[in-house]
PDB file of N, CA and C in Angstrom:
ATOM      1  N   MET A   1     233.371-179.210 -95.692  1.00  0.00           N
ATOM      2  CA  MET A   1     232.408-179.313 -96.750  1.00  0.00           C
ATOM      3  C   MET A   1     231.297-178.303 -96.480  1.00  0.00           C
ATOM      4  N   ALA A   2     231.002-177.481 -97.457  1.00  0.00           N
ATOM      5  CA  ALA A   2     229.988-176.450 -97.322  1.00  0.00           C
ATOM      6  C   ALA A   2     228.613-177.031 -97.635  1.00  0.00           C
ATOM      7  N   THR A   3     227.648-176.588 -96.887  1.00  0.00           N
ATOM      8  CA  THR A   3     226.280-177.029 -97.150  1.00  0.00           C
ATOM      9  C   THR A   3     225.468-175.852 -97.677  1.00  0.00           C
ATOM     10  N   THR A   4     224.565-176.160 -98.528  1.00  0.00           N
ATOM     11  CA  THR A   4     223.704-175.136 -99.094  1.00  0.00           C
ATOM     12  C   THR A   4     222.289-175.388 -98.622  1.00  0.00           C
ATOM     13  N   THR A   5     221.685-174.339 -98.141  1.00  0.00           N
ATOM     14  CA  THR A   5     220.301-174.442 -97.699  1.00  0.00           C
ATOM     15  C   THR A   5     219.397-173.960 -98.824  1.00  0.00           C
ATOM     16  N   ILE A   6     218.500-174.809 -99.199  1.00  0.00           N
ATOM     17  CA  ILE A   6     217.550-174.458-100.244  1.00  0.00           C
ATOM     18  C   ILE A   6     216.266-174.015 -99.559  1.00  0.00           C
ATOM     19  N   PRO A   7     215.855-172.769 -99.815  1.00  0.00           N
ATOM     20  CA  PRO A   7     214.631-172.302 -99.152  1.00  0.00           C
ATOM     21  C   PRO A   7     213.400-173.040 -99.666  1.00  0.00           C
ATOM     22  N   ARG A   8     212.498-173.303 -98.747  1.00  0.00           N
ATOM     23  CA  ARG A   8     211.241-173.949 -99.117  1.00  0.00           C
ATOM     24  C   ARG A   8     210.359-172.931 -99.815  1.00  0.00           C
ATOM     25  N   PRO A   9     209.661-173.351-100.831  1.00  0.00           N
ATOM     26  CA  PRO A   9     208.743-172.419-101.479  1.00  0.00           C
ATOM     27  C   PRO A   9     207.681-171.975-100.478  1.00  0.00           C
ATOM     28  N   SER A  10     207.312-170.720-100.543  1.00  0.00           N
ATOM     29  CA  SER A  10     206.302-170.227 -99.612  1.00  0.00           C
ATOM     30  C   SER A  10     204.942-170.793-100.013  1.00  0.00           C
ATOM     31  N   ALA A  11     204.173-171.096 -99.004  1.00  0.00           N
ATOM     32  CA  ALA A  11     202.828-171.617 -99.259  1.00  0.00           C
ATOM     33  C   ALA A  11     201.925-170.437 -99.574  1.00  0.00           C
ATOM     34  N   THR A  12     201.498-170.392-100.785  1.00  0.00           N
ATOM     35  CA  THR A  12     200.602-169.311-101.165  1.00  0.00           C
ATOM     36  C   THR A  12     199.218-169.879-101.375  1.00  0.00           C
ATOM     37  N   ALA A  13     198.285-169.294-100.700  1.00  0.00           N
ATOM     38  CA  ALA A  13     196.906-169.740-100.842  1.00  0.00           C
ATOM     39  C   ALA A  13     196.364-169.255-102.179  1.00  0.00           C
ATOM     40  N   ALA A  14     195.522-170.056-102.741  1.00  0.00           N
ATOM     41  CA  ALA A  14     194.893-169.665-104.000  1.00  0.00           C
ATOM     42  C   ALA A  14     194.035-168.426-103.768  1.00  0.00           C
ATOM     43  N   ALA A  15     193.913-167.620-104.774  1.00  0.00           N
ATOM     44  CA  ALA A  15     193.097-166.417-104.682  1.00  0.00           C
ATOM     45  C   ALA A  15     191.615-166.786-104.640  1.00  0.00           C
ATOM     46  N   PHE A  16     190.847-165.989-103.947  1.00  0.00           N
ATOM     47  CA  PHE A  16     189.405-166.195-103.876  1.00  0.00           C
ATOM     48  C   PHE A  16     188.815-166.092-105.282  1.00  0.00           C
ATOM     49  N   PRO A  17     188.052-167.091-105.703  1.00  0.00           N
ATOM     50  CA  PRO A  17     187.501-167.103-107.073  1.00  0.00           C
ATOM     51  C   PRO A  17     186.271-166.200-107.214  1.00  0.00           C
ATOM     52  N   ARG A  18     186.468-164.911-106.986  1.00  0.00           N
ATOM     53  CA  ARG A  18     185.374-163.929-106.964  1.00  0.00           C
ATOM     54  C   ARG A  18     184.514-163.970-108.232  1.00  0.00           C
ATOM     55  N   ALA A  19     185.137-163.937-109.392  1.00  0.00           N
ATOM     56  CA  ALA A  19     184.375-163.884-110.644  1.00  0.00           C
ATOM     57  C   ALA A  19     183.489-165.120-110.802  1.00  0.00           C
ATOM     58  N   ALA A  20     184.015-166.277-110.480  1.00  0.00           N
ATOM     59  CA  ALA A  20     183.232-167.515-110.612  1.00  0.00           C
ATOM     60  C   ALA A  20     182.080-167.544-109.608  1.00  0.00           C
ATOM     61  N   VAL A  21     182.343-167.092-108.389  1.00  0.00           N
ATOM     62  CA  VAL A  21     181.301-167.051-107.352  1.00  0.00           C
ATOM     63  C   VAL A  21     180.191-166.092-107.777  1.00  0.00           C
ATOM     64  N   GLU A  22     180.572-164.889-108.208  1.00  0.00           N
ATOM     65  CA  GLU A  22     179.576-163.897-108.627  1.00  0.00           C
ATOM     66  C   GLU A  22     178.759-164.388-109.821  1.00  0.00           C
ATOM     67  N   ALA A  23     179.410-165.011-110.781  1.00  0.00           N
ATOM     68  CA  ALA A  23     178.708-165.509-111.969  1.00  0.00           C
ATOM     69  C   ALA A  23     177.710-166.606-111.591  1.00  0.00           C
ATOM     70  N   ALA A  24     178.128-167.521-110.735  1.00  0.00           N
ATOM     71  CA  ALA A  24     177.236-168.607-110.316  1.00  0.00           C
ATOM     72  C   ALA A  24     176.034-168.053-109.553  1.00  0.00           C
ATOM     73  N   LEU A  25     176.299-167.123-108.637  1.00  0.00           N
ATOM     74  CA  LEU A  25     175.209-166.505-107.884  1.00  0.00           C
ATOM     75  C   LEU A  25     174.261-165.756-108.817  1.00  0.00           C
ATOM     76  N   ARG A  26     174.821-164.976-109.720  1.00  0.00           N
ATOM     77  CA  ARG A  26     173.999-164.181-110.651  1.00  0.00           C
ATOM     78  C   ARG A  26     173.094-165.092-111.478  1.00  0.00           C
ATOM     79  N   ASP A  27     173.668-166.141-112.053  1.00  0.00           N
ATOM     80  CA  ASP A  27     172.885-167.059-112.895  1.00  0.00           C
ATOM     81  C   ASP A  27     171.723-167.676-112.118  1.00  0.00           C
ATOM     82  N   GLU A  28     172.015-168.183-110.936  1.00  0.00           N
ATOM     83  CA  GLU A  28     170.978-168.866-110.154  1.00  0.00           C
ATOM     84  C   GLU A  28     169.942-167.898-109.599  1.00  0.00           C
ATOM     85  N   LEU A  29     170.383-166.718-109.165  1.00  0.00           N
ATOM     86  CA  LEU A  29     169.432-165.737-108.650  1.00  0.00           C
ATOM     87  C   LEU A  29     168.498-165.238-109.753  1.00  0.00           C
ATOM     88  N   ILE A  30     169.033-165.027-110.932  1.00  0.00           N
ATOM     89  CA  ILE A  30     168.190-164.580-112.043  1.00  0.00           C
ATOM     90  C   ILE A  30     167.181-165.663-112.422  1.00  0.00           C
ATOM     91  N   LYS A  31     167.608-166.930-112.417  1.00  0.00           N
ATOM     92  CA  LYS A  31     166.661-168.026-112.672  1.00  0.00           C
ATOM     93  C   LYS A  31     165.539-168.014-111.640  1.00  0.00           C
ATOM     94  N   ALA A  32     165.906-167.850-110.369  1.00  0.00           N
ATOM     95  CA  ALA A  32     164.907-167.852-109.298  1.00  0.00           C
ATOM     96  C   ALA A  32     163.949-166.675-109.436  1.00  0.00           C
ATOM     97  N   ILE A  33     164.487-165.505-109.768  1.00  0.00           N
ATOM     98  CA  ILE A  33     163.647-164.315-109.936  1.00  0.00           C
ATOM     99  C   ILE A  33     162.703-164.499-111.123  1.00  0.00           C
ATOM    100  N   LYS A  34     163.187-165.036-112.215  1.00  0.00           N
ATOM    101  CA  LYS A  34     162.338-165.262-113.389  1.00  0.00           C
ATOM    102  C   LYS A  34     161.194-166.233-113.058  1.00  0.00           C
ATOM    103  N   MET A  35     161.517-167.286-112.320  1.00  0.00           N
ATOM    104  CA  MET A  35     160.503-168.263-111.960  1.00  0.00           C
ATOM    105  C   MET A  35     159.447-167.623-111.062  1.00  0.00           C
ATOM    106  N   GLU A  36     159.901-166.892-110.064  1.00  0.00           N
ATOM    107  CA  GLU A  36     158.977-166.213-109.144  1.00  0.00           C
ATOM    108  C   GLU A  36     158.118-165.198-109.889  1.00  0.00           C
ATOM    109  N   ALA A  37     158.730-164.446-110.787  1.00  0.00           N
ATOM    110  CA  ALA A  37     158.003-163.434-111.553  1.00  0.00           C
ATOM    111  C   ALA A  37     156.951-164.076-112.452  1.00  0.00           C
ATOM    112  N   SER A  38     157.289-165.210-113.056  1.00  0.00           N
ATOM    113  CA  SER A  38     156.313-165.867-113.936  1.00  0.00           C
ATOM    114  C   SER A  38     155.132-166.404-113.137  1.00  0.00           C
ATOM    115  N   ILE A  39     155.387-166.886-111.935  1.00  0.00           N
ATOM    116  CA  ILE A  39     154.308-167.392-111.074  1.00  0.00           C
ATOM    117  C   ILE A  39     153.398-166.251-110.633  1.00  0.00           C
ATOM    118  N   LYS A  40     154.008-165.124-110.274  1.00  0.00           N
ATOM    119  CA  LYS A  40     153.237-163.989-109.752  1.00  0.00           C
ATOM    120  C   LYS A  40     152.782-163.012-110.831  1.00  0.00           C
ATOM    121  N   GLY A  41     153.189-163.243-112.081  1.00  0.00           N
ATOM    122  CA  GLY A  41     152.806-162.354-113.160  1.00  0.00           C
ATOM    123  C   GLY A  41     153.482-160.995-113.095  1.00  0.00           C
ATOM    124  N   ILE A  42     154.704-160.958-112.586  1.00  0.00           N
ATOM    125  CA  ILE A  42     155.462-159.709-112.467  1.00  0.00           C
ATOM    126  C   ILE A  42     156.284-159.524-113.736  1.00  0.00           C
ATOM    127  N   PRO A  43     156.135-158.381-114.412  1.00  0.00           N
ATOM    128  CA  PRO A  43     156.962-158.146-115.602  1.00  0.00           C
ATOM    129  C   PRO A  43     158.409-157.847-115.213  1.00  0.00           C
ATOM    130  N   LEU A  44     159.335-158.384-115.982  1.00  0.00           N
ATOM    131  CA  LEU A  44     160.765-158.165-115.738  1.00  0.00           C
ATOM    132  C   LEU A  44     161.420-157.618-116.992  1.00  0.00           C
ATOM    133  N   PRO A  45     162.531-156.906-116.812  1.00  0.00           N
ATOM    134  CA  PRO A  45     163.311-156.517-117.989  1.00  0.00           C
ATOM    135  C   PRO A  45     163.842-157.772-118.669  1.00  0.00           C
ATOM    136  N   SER A  46     164.261-157.651-119.912  1.00  0.00           N
ATOM    137  CA  SER A  46     164.730-158.835-120.629  1.00  0.00           C
ATOM    138  C   SER A  46     166.205-159.122-120.407  1.00  0.00           C
ATOM    139  N   ALA A  47     167.021-158.111-120.191  1.00  0.00           N
ATOM    140  CA  ALA A  47     168.471-158.305-120.035  1.00  0.00           C
ATOM    141  C   ALA A  47     168.802-158.780-118.621  1.00  0.00           C
ATOM    142  N   PRO A  48     169.661-159.803-118.496  1.00  0.00           N
ATOM    143  CA  PRO A  48     170.040-160.298-117.172  1.00  0.00           C
ATOM    144  C   PRO A  48     170.604-159.213-116.242  1.00  0.00           C
ATOM    145  N   ALA A  49     171.401-158.293-116.775  1.00  0.00           N
ATOM    146  CA  ALA A  49     171.968-157.223-115.940  1.00  0.00           C
ATOM    147  C   ALA A  49     170.864-156.342-115.371  1.00  0.00           C
ATOM    148  N   GLU A  50     169.822-156.100-116.174  1.00  0.00           N
ATOM    149  CA  GLU A  50     168.692-155.285-115.707  1.00  0.00           C
ATOM    150  C   GLU A  50     167.849-156.047-114.688  1.00  0.00           C
ATOM    151  N   ILE A  51     167.714-157.343-114.882  1.00  0.00           N
ATOM    152  CA  ILE A  51     166.970-158.165-113.914  1.00  0.00           C
ATOM    153  C   ILE A  51     167.701-158.145-112.573  1.00  0.00           C
ATOM    154  N   ALA A  52     169.020-158.250-112.603  1.00  0.00           N
ATOM    155  CA  ALA A  52     169.807-158.250-111.368  1.00  0.00           C
ATOM    156  C   ALA A  52     169.630-156.945-110.603  1.00  0.00           C
ATOM    157  N   GLN A  53     169.458-155.843-111.315  1.00  0.00           N
ATOM    158  CA  GLN A  53     169.294-154.536-110.688  1.00  0.00           C
ATOM    159  C   GLN A  53     167.848-154.237-110.285  1.00  0.00           C
ATOM    160  N   ALA A  54     166.900-154.966-110.853  1.00  0.00           N
ATOM    161  CA  ALA A  54     165.485-154.691-110.603  1.00  0.00           C
ATOM    162  C   ALA A  54     165.137-154.850-109.122  1.00  0.00           C
ATOM    163  N   ALA A  55     164.213-154.020-108.673  1.00  0.00           N
ATOM    164  CA  ALA A  55     163.774-154.056-107.276  1.00  0.00           C
ATOM    165  C   ALA A  55     162.788-155.208-107.087  1.00  0.00           C
ATOM    166  N   VAL A  56     163.330-156.417-107.086  1.00  0.00           N
ATOM    167  CA  VAL A  56     162.531-157.622-106.880  1.00  0.00           C
ATOM    168  C   VAL A  56     163.107-158.333-105.660  1.00  0.00           C
ATOM    169  N   HIS A  57     162.260-158.521-104.649  1.00  0.00           N
ATOM    170  CA  HIS A  57     162.720-159.135-103.400  1.00  0.00           C
ATOM    171  C   HIS A  57     163.206-160.565-103.647  1.00  0.00           C
ATOM    172  N   VAL A  58     164.358-160.873-103.059  1.00  0.00           N
ATOM    173  CA  VAL A  58     164.922-162.219-103.146  1.00  0.00           C
ATOM    174  C   VAL A  58     164.834-162.825-101.747  1.00  0.00           C
ATOM    175  N   ASP A  59     164.020-163.840-101.599  1.00  0.00           N
ATOM    176  CA  ASP A  59     163.767-164.484-100.316  1.00  0.00           C
ATOM    177  C   ASP A  59     165.030-165.160 -99.773  1.00  0.00           C
ATOM    178  N   SER A  60     165.217-165.084 -98.467  1.00  0.00           N
ATOM    179  CA  SER A  60     166.405-165.693 -97.860  1.00  0.00           C
ATOM    180  C   SER A  60     166.413-167.210 -97.995  1.00  0.00           C
ATOM    181  N   LEU A  61     165.246-167.848 -97.954  1.00  0.00           N
ATOM    182  CA  LEU A  61     165.203-169.312 -98.108  1.00  0.00           C
ATOM    183  C   LEU A  61     165.611-169.731 -99.515  1.00  0.00           C
ATOM    184  N   VAL A  62     165.196-168.968-100.498  1.00  0.00           N
ATOM    185  CA  VAL A  62     165.612-169.231-101.879  1.00  0.00           C
ATOM    186  C   VAL A  62     167.122-169.073-101.984  1.00  0.00           C
ATOM    187  N   THR A  63     167.635-168.037-101.349  1.00  0.00           N
ATOM    188  CA  THR A  63     169.064-167.743-101.411  1.00  0.00           C
ATOM    189  C   THR A  63     169.882-168.844-100.745  1.00  0.00           C
ATOM    190  N   VAL A  64     169.413-169.362 -99.631  1.00  0.00           N
ATOM    191  CA  VAL A  64     170.111-170.474 -98.967  1.00  0.00           C
ATOM    192  C   VAL A  64     170.216-171.663 -99.916  1.00  0.00           C
ATOM    193  N   GLY A  65     169.147-171.939-100.632  1.00  0.00           N
ATOM    194  CA  GLY A  65     169.160-173.045-101.593  1.00  0.00           C
ATOM    195  C   GLY A  65     170.147-172.838-102.725  1.00  0.00           C
ATOM    196  N   ILE A  66     170.378-171.593-103.070  1.00  0.00           N
ATOM    197  CA  ILE A  66     171.287-171.264-104.164  1.00  0.00           C
ATOM    198  C   ILE A  66     172.758-171.443-103.771  1.00  0.00           C
ATOM    199  N   LEU A  67     173.041-171.435-102.480  1.00  0.00           N
ATOM    200  CA  LEU A  67     174.431-171.586-102.031  1.00  0.00           C
ATOM    201  C   LEU A  67     175.085-172.854-102.556  1.00  0.00           C
ATOM    202  N   CYS A  68     174.294-173.885-102.804  1.00  0.00           N
ATOM    203  CA  CYS A  68     174.858-175.165-103.244  1.00  0.00           C
ATOM    204  C   CYS A  68     175.584-175.044-104.583  1.00  0.00           C
ATOM    205  N   VAL A  69     175.242-174.057-105.411  1.00  0.00           N
ATOM    206  CA  VAL A  69     175.948-173.912-106.688  1.00  0.00           C
ATOM    207  C   VAL A  69     177.337-173.308-106.505  1.00  0.00           C
ATOM    208  N   VAL A  70     177.556-172.661-105.376  1.00  0.00           N
ATOM    209  CA  VAL A  70     178.852-172.033-105.111  1.00  0.00           C
ATOM    210  C   VAL A  70     179.805-173.006-104.409  1.00  0.00           C
ATOM    211  N   GLU A  71     179.275-173.949-103.701  1.00  0.00           N
ATOM    212  CA  GLU A  71     180.109-174.868-102.914  1.00  0.00           C
ATOM    213  C   GLU A  71     181.150-175.625-103.746  1.00  0.00           C
ATOM    214  N   PRO A  72     180.828-176.104-104.951  1.00  0.00           N
ATOM    215  CA  PRO A  72     181.879-176.749-105.748  1.00  0.00           C
ATOM    216  C   PRO A  72     182.998-175.783-106.156  1.00  0.00           C
ATOM    217  N   ILE A  73     182.681-174.507-106.252  1.00  0.00           N
ATOM    218  CA  ILE A  73     183.692-173.513-106.636  1.00  0.00           C
ATOM    219  C   ILE A  73     184.659-173.264-105.489  1.00  0.00           C
ATOM    220  N   VAL A  74     184.110-173.098-104.278  1.00  0.00           N
ATOM    221  CA  VAL A  74     184.967-172.805-103.123  1.00  0.00           C
ATOM    222  C   VAL A  74     185.493-174.069-102.452  1.00  0.00           C
ATOM    223  N   GLU A  75     184.902-175.191-102.789  1.00  0.00           N
ATOM    224  CA  GLU A  75     185.316-176.509-102.309  1.00  0.00           C
ATOM    225  C   GLU A  75     185.112-176.733-100.810  1.00  0.00           C
ATOM    226  N   PHE A  76     184.052-176.131-100.280  1.00  0.00           N
ATOM    227  CA  PHE A  76     183.621-176.433 -98.919  1.00  0.00           C
ATOM    228  C   PHE A  76     182.154-176.046 -98.777  1.00  0.00           C
ATOM    229  N   GLU A  77     181.526-176.614 -97.750  1.00  0.00           N
ATOM    230  CA  GLU A  77     180.111-176.341 -97.513  1.00  0.00           C
ATOM    231  C   GLU A  77     179.962-174.974 -96.852  1.00  0.00           C
ATOM    232  N   LEU A  78     179.051-174.193 -97.368  1.00  0.00           N
ATOM    233  CA  LEU A  78     178.824-172.849 -96.828  1.00  0.00           C
ATOM    234  C   LEU A  78     177.738-172.896 -95.751  1.00  0.00           C
ATOM    235  N   PRO A  79     177.965-172.182 -94.648  1.00  0.00           N
ATOM    236  CA  PRO A  79     176.932-172.141 -93.613  1.00  0.00           C
ATOM    237  C   PRO A  79     175.775-171.245 -94.051  1.00  0.00           C
ATOM    238  N   GLU A  80     174.590-171.569 -93.596  1.00  0.00           N
ATOM    239  CA  GLU A  80     173.406-170.794 -93.954  1.00  0.00           C
ATOM    240  C   GLU A  80     173.479-169.354 -93.461  1.00  0.00           C
ATOM    241  N   ASN A  81     174.272-169.111 -92.420  1.00  0.00           N
ATOM    242  CA  ASN A  81     174.304-167.758 -91.862  1.00  0.00           C
ATOM    243  C   ASN A  81     175.038-166.745 -92.742  1.00  0.00           C
ATOM    244  N   VAL A  82     175.544-167.162 -93.905  1.00  0.00           N
ATOM    245  CA  VAL A  82     176.104-166.174 -94.836  1.00  0.00           C
ATOM    246  C   VAL A  82     174.975-165.398 -95.522  1.00  0.00           C
ATOM    247  N   VAL A  83     173.765-165.929 -95.452  1.00  0.00           N
ATOM    248  CA  VAL A  83     172.598-165.286 -96.065  1.00  0.00           C
ATOM    249  C   VAL A  83     171.953-164.348 -95.053  1.00  0.00           C
ATOM    250  N   ARG A  84     171.619-163.163 -95.501  1.00  0.00           N
ATOM    251  CA  ARG A  84     170.963-162.167 -94.650  1.00  0.00           C
ATOM    252  C   ARG A  84     169.531-162.609 -94.359  1.00  0.00           C
ATOM    253  N   THR A  85     169.180-162.627 -93.084  1.00  0.00           N
ATOM    254  CA  THR A  85     167.816-162.943 -92.674  1.00  0.00           C
ATOM    255  C   THR A  85     166.866-161.918 -93.280  1.00  0.00           C
ATOM    256  N   GLY A  86     165.796-162.396 -93.860  1.00  0.00           N
ATOM    257  CA  GLY A  86     164.820-161.495 -94.466  1.00  0.00           C
ATOM    258  C   GLY A  86     165.018-161.310 -95.960  1.00  0.00           C
ATOM    259  N   GLY A  87     166.145-161.744 -96.482  1.00  0.00           N
ATOM    260  CA  GLY A  87     166.381-161.667 -97.920  1.00  0.00           C
ATOM    261  C   GLY A  87     167.017-160.374 -98.369  1.00  0.00           C
ATOM    262  N   TYR A  88     166.837-160.074 -99.649  1.00  0.00           N
ATOM    263  CA  TYR A  88     167.518-158.952-100.301  1.00  0.00           C
ATOM    264  C   TYR A  88     166.542-158.188-101.190  1.00  0.00           C
ATOM    265  N   PRO A  89     166.779-156.887-101.367  1.00  0.00           N
ATOM    266  CA  PRO A  89     165.881-156.090-102.211  1.00  0.00           C
ATOM    267  C   PRO A  89     166.073-156.319-103.713  1.00  0.00           C
ATOM    268  N   SER A  90     167.186-156.955-104.089  1.00  0.00           N
ATOM    269  CA  SER A  90     167.450-157.236-105.505  1.00  0.00           C
ATOM    270  C   SER A  90     168.490-158.342-105.597  1.00  0.00           C
ATOM    271  N   ALA A  91     168.621-158.906-106.785  1.00  0.00           N
ATOM    272  CA  ALA A  91     169.651-159.923-107.003  1.00  0.00           C
ATOM    273  C   ALA A  91     171.035-159.318-106.814  1.00  0.00           C
ATOM    274  N   GLN A  92     171.241-158.095-107.288  1.00  0.00           N
ATOM    275  CA  GLN A  92     172.547-157.454-107.171  1.00  0.00           C
ATOM    276  C   GLN A  92     172.932-157.262-105.707  1.00  0.00           C
ATOM    277  N   ALA A  93     171.981-156.861-104.872  1.00  0.00           N
ATOM    278  CA  ALA A  93     172.251-156.715-103.441  1.00  0.00           C
ATOM    279  C   ALA A  93     172.640-158.058-102.836  1.00  0.00           C
ATOM    280  N   ALA A  94     171.951-159.116-103.258  1.00  0.00           N
ATOM    281  CA  ALA A  94     172.278-160.460-102.770  1.00  0.00           C
ATOM    282  C   ALA A  94     173.673-160.876-103.214  1.00  0.00           C
ATOM    283  N   ILE A  95     174.000-160.620-104.466  1.00  0.00           N
ATOM    284  CA  ILE A  95     175.315-160.993-104.998  1.00  0.00           C
ATOM    285  C   ILE A  95     176.427-160.285-104.232  1.00  0.00           C
ATOM    286  N   GLU A  96     176.254-158.995-104.017  1.00  0.00           N
ATOM    287  CA  GLU A  96     177.287-158.226-103.311  1.00  0.00           C
ATOM    288  C   GLU A  96     177.476-158.718-101.879  1.00  0.00           C
ATOM    289  N   HIS A  97     176.372-158.897-101.158  1.00  0.00           N
ATOM    290  CA  HIS A  97     176.462-159.338 -99.764  1.00  0.00           C
ATOM    291  C   HIS A  97     177.013-160.762 -99.670  1.00  0.00           C
ATOM    292  N   LEU A  98     176.467-161.649-100.473  1.00  0.00           N
ATOM    293  CA  LEU A  98     176.899-163.046-100.421  1.00  0.00           C
ATOM    294  C   LEU A  98     178.361-163.213-100.808  1.00  0.00           C
ATOM    295  N   THR A  99     178.805-162.491-101.809  1.00  0.00           N
ATOM    296  CA  THR A  99     180.202-162.598-102.225  1.00  0.00           C
ATOM    297  C   THR A  99     181.127-162.186-101.083  1.00  0.00           C
ATOM    298  N   GLN A 100     180.780-161.117-100.394  1.00  0.00           N
ATOM    299  CA  GLN A 100     181.588-160.683 -99.240  1.00  0.00           C
ATOM    300  C   GLN A 100     181.599-161.744 -98.146  1.00  0.00           C
ATOM    301  N   GLN A 101     180.424-162.284 -97.838  1.00  0.00           N
ATOM    302  CA  GLN A 101     180.325-163.282 -96.782  1.00  0.00           C
ATOM    303  C   GLN A 101     181.031-164.585 -97.157  1.00  0.00           C
ATOM    304  N   ILE A 102     180.921-164.976 -98.401  1.00  0.00           N
ATOM    305  CA  ILE A 102     181.588-166.200 -98.863  1.00  0.00           C
ATOM    306  C   ILE A 102     183.097-166.000 -98.844  1.00  0.00           C
ATOM    307  N   GLU A 103     183.553-164.827 -99.229  1.00  0.00           N
ATOM    308  CA  GLU A 103     184.993-164.558 -99.181  1.00  0.00           C
ATOM    309  C   GLU A 103     185.510-164.615 -97.746  1.00  0.00           C
ATOM    310  N   LYS A 104     184.740-164.115 -96.790  1.00  0.00           N
ATOM    311  CA  LYS A 104     185.143-164.209 -95.379  1.00  0.00           C
ATOM    312  C   LYS A 104     185.279-165.670 -94.958  1.00  0.00           C
ATOM    313  N   GLN A 105     184.336-166.506 -95.386  1.00  0.00           N
ATOM    314  CA  GLN A 105     184.420-167.938 -95.081  1.00  0.00           C
ATOM    315  C   GLN A 105     185.642-168.556 -95.749  1.00  0.00           C
ATOM    316  N   TRP A 106     185.918-168.135 -96.973  1.00  0.00           N
ATOM    317  CA  TRP A 106     187.081-168.609 -97.732  1.00  0.00           C
ATOM    318  C   TRP A 106     188.365-168.307 -96.952  1.00  0.00           C
ATOM    319  N   ILE A 107     188.504-167.067 -96.541  1.00  0.00           N
ATOM    320  CA  ILE A 107     189.702-166.640 -95.804  1.00  0.00           C
ATOM    321  C   ILE A 107     189.816-167.415 -94.498  1.00  0.00           C
ATOM    322  N   LYS A 108     188.713-167.552 -93.794  1.00  0.00           N
ATOM    323  CA  LYS A 108     188.697-168.290 -92.528  1.00  0.00           C
ATOM    324  C   LYS A 108     189.156-169.731 -92.737  1.00  0.00           C
ATOM    325  N   ARG A 109     188.677-170.360 -93.786  1.00  0.00           N
ATOM    326  CA  ARG A 109     189.056-171.754 -94.089  1.00  0.00           C
ATOM    327  C   ARG A 109     190.514-171.858 -94.507  1.00  0.00           C
ATOM    328  N   LYS A 110     190.938-170.942 -95.357  1.00  0.00           N
ATOM    329  CA  LYS A 110     192.308-171.015 -95.878  1.00  0.00           C
ATOM    330  C   LYS A 110     193.335-170.678 -94.816  1.00  0.00           C
ATOM    331  N   VAL A 111     193.040-169.714 -93.943  1.00  0.00           N
ATOM    332  CA  VAL A 111     193.960-169.348 -92.870  1.00  0.00           C
ATOM    333  C   VAL A 111     194.062-170.468 -91.860  1.00  0.00           C
ATOM    334  N   SER A 112     192.949-171.125 -91.559  1.00  0.00           N
ATOM    335  CA  SER A 112     192.970-172.199 -90.564  1.00  0.00           C
ATOM    336  C   SER A 112     193.712-173.434 -91.077  1.00  0.00           C
ATOM    337  N   ARG A 113     193.872-173.565 -92.391  1.00  0.00           N
ATOM    338  CA  ARG A 113     194.569-174.712 -92.965  1.00  0.00           C
ATOM    339  C   ARG A 113     196.071-174.505 -93.088  1.00  0.00           C
ATOM    340  N   THR A 114     196.503-173.241 -93.012  1.00  0.00           N
ATOM    341  CA  THR A 114     197.948-172.990 -93.181  1.00  0.00           C
ATOM    342  C   THR A 114     198.667-173.003 -91.868  1.00  0.00           C
TER     343      THR A 114
END
């Protein structure tokens, strides 16, 4: 009697949700910048893309607080050390750095689970 071996499906990890992470970071960082600007009386451009590019310092403590909006997307708690000490020169700089750091955490978590 011949036996047939059925190959097991390969375990493929889900792709890093880059677009969702970037969108969540952008939305929250722009809110934080607008709030800070209104308190300090700093004029900002009106378009969100221009605000993200504006040379407005983003504090590292504010950025750590913003990580909580990304955690439901990646489905794990992010360590504070993904945020650059001293903050960022703009929201766009924060988005780029944080997305890279969050993706590294994503890969680390997903590789350790397989």
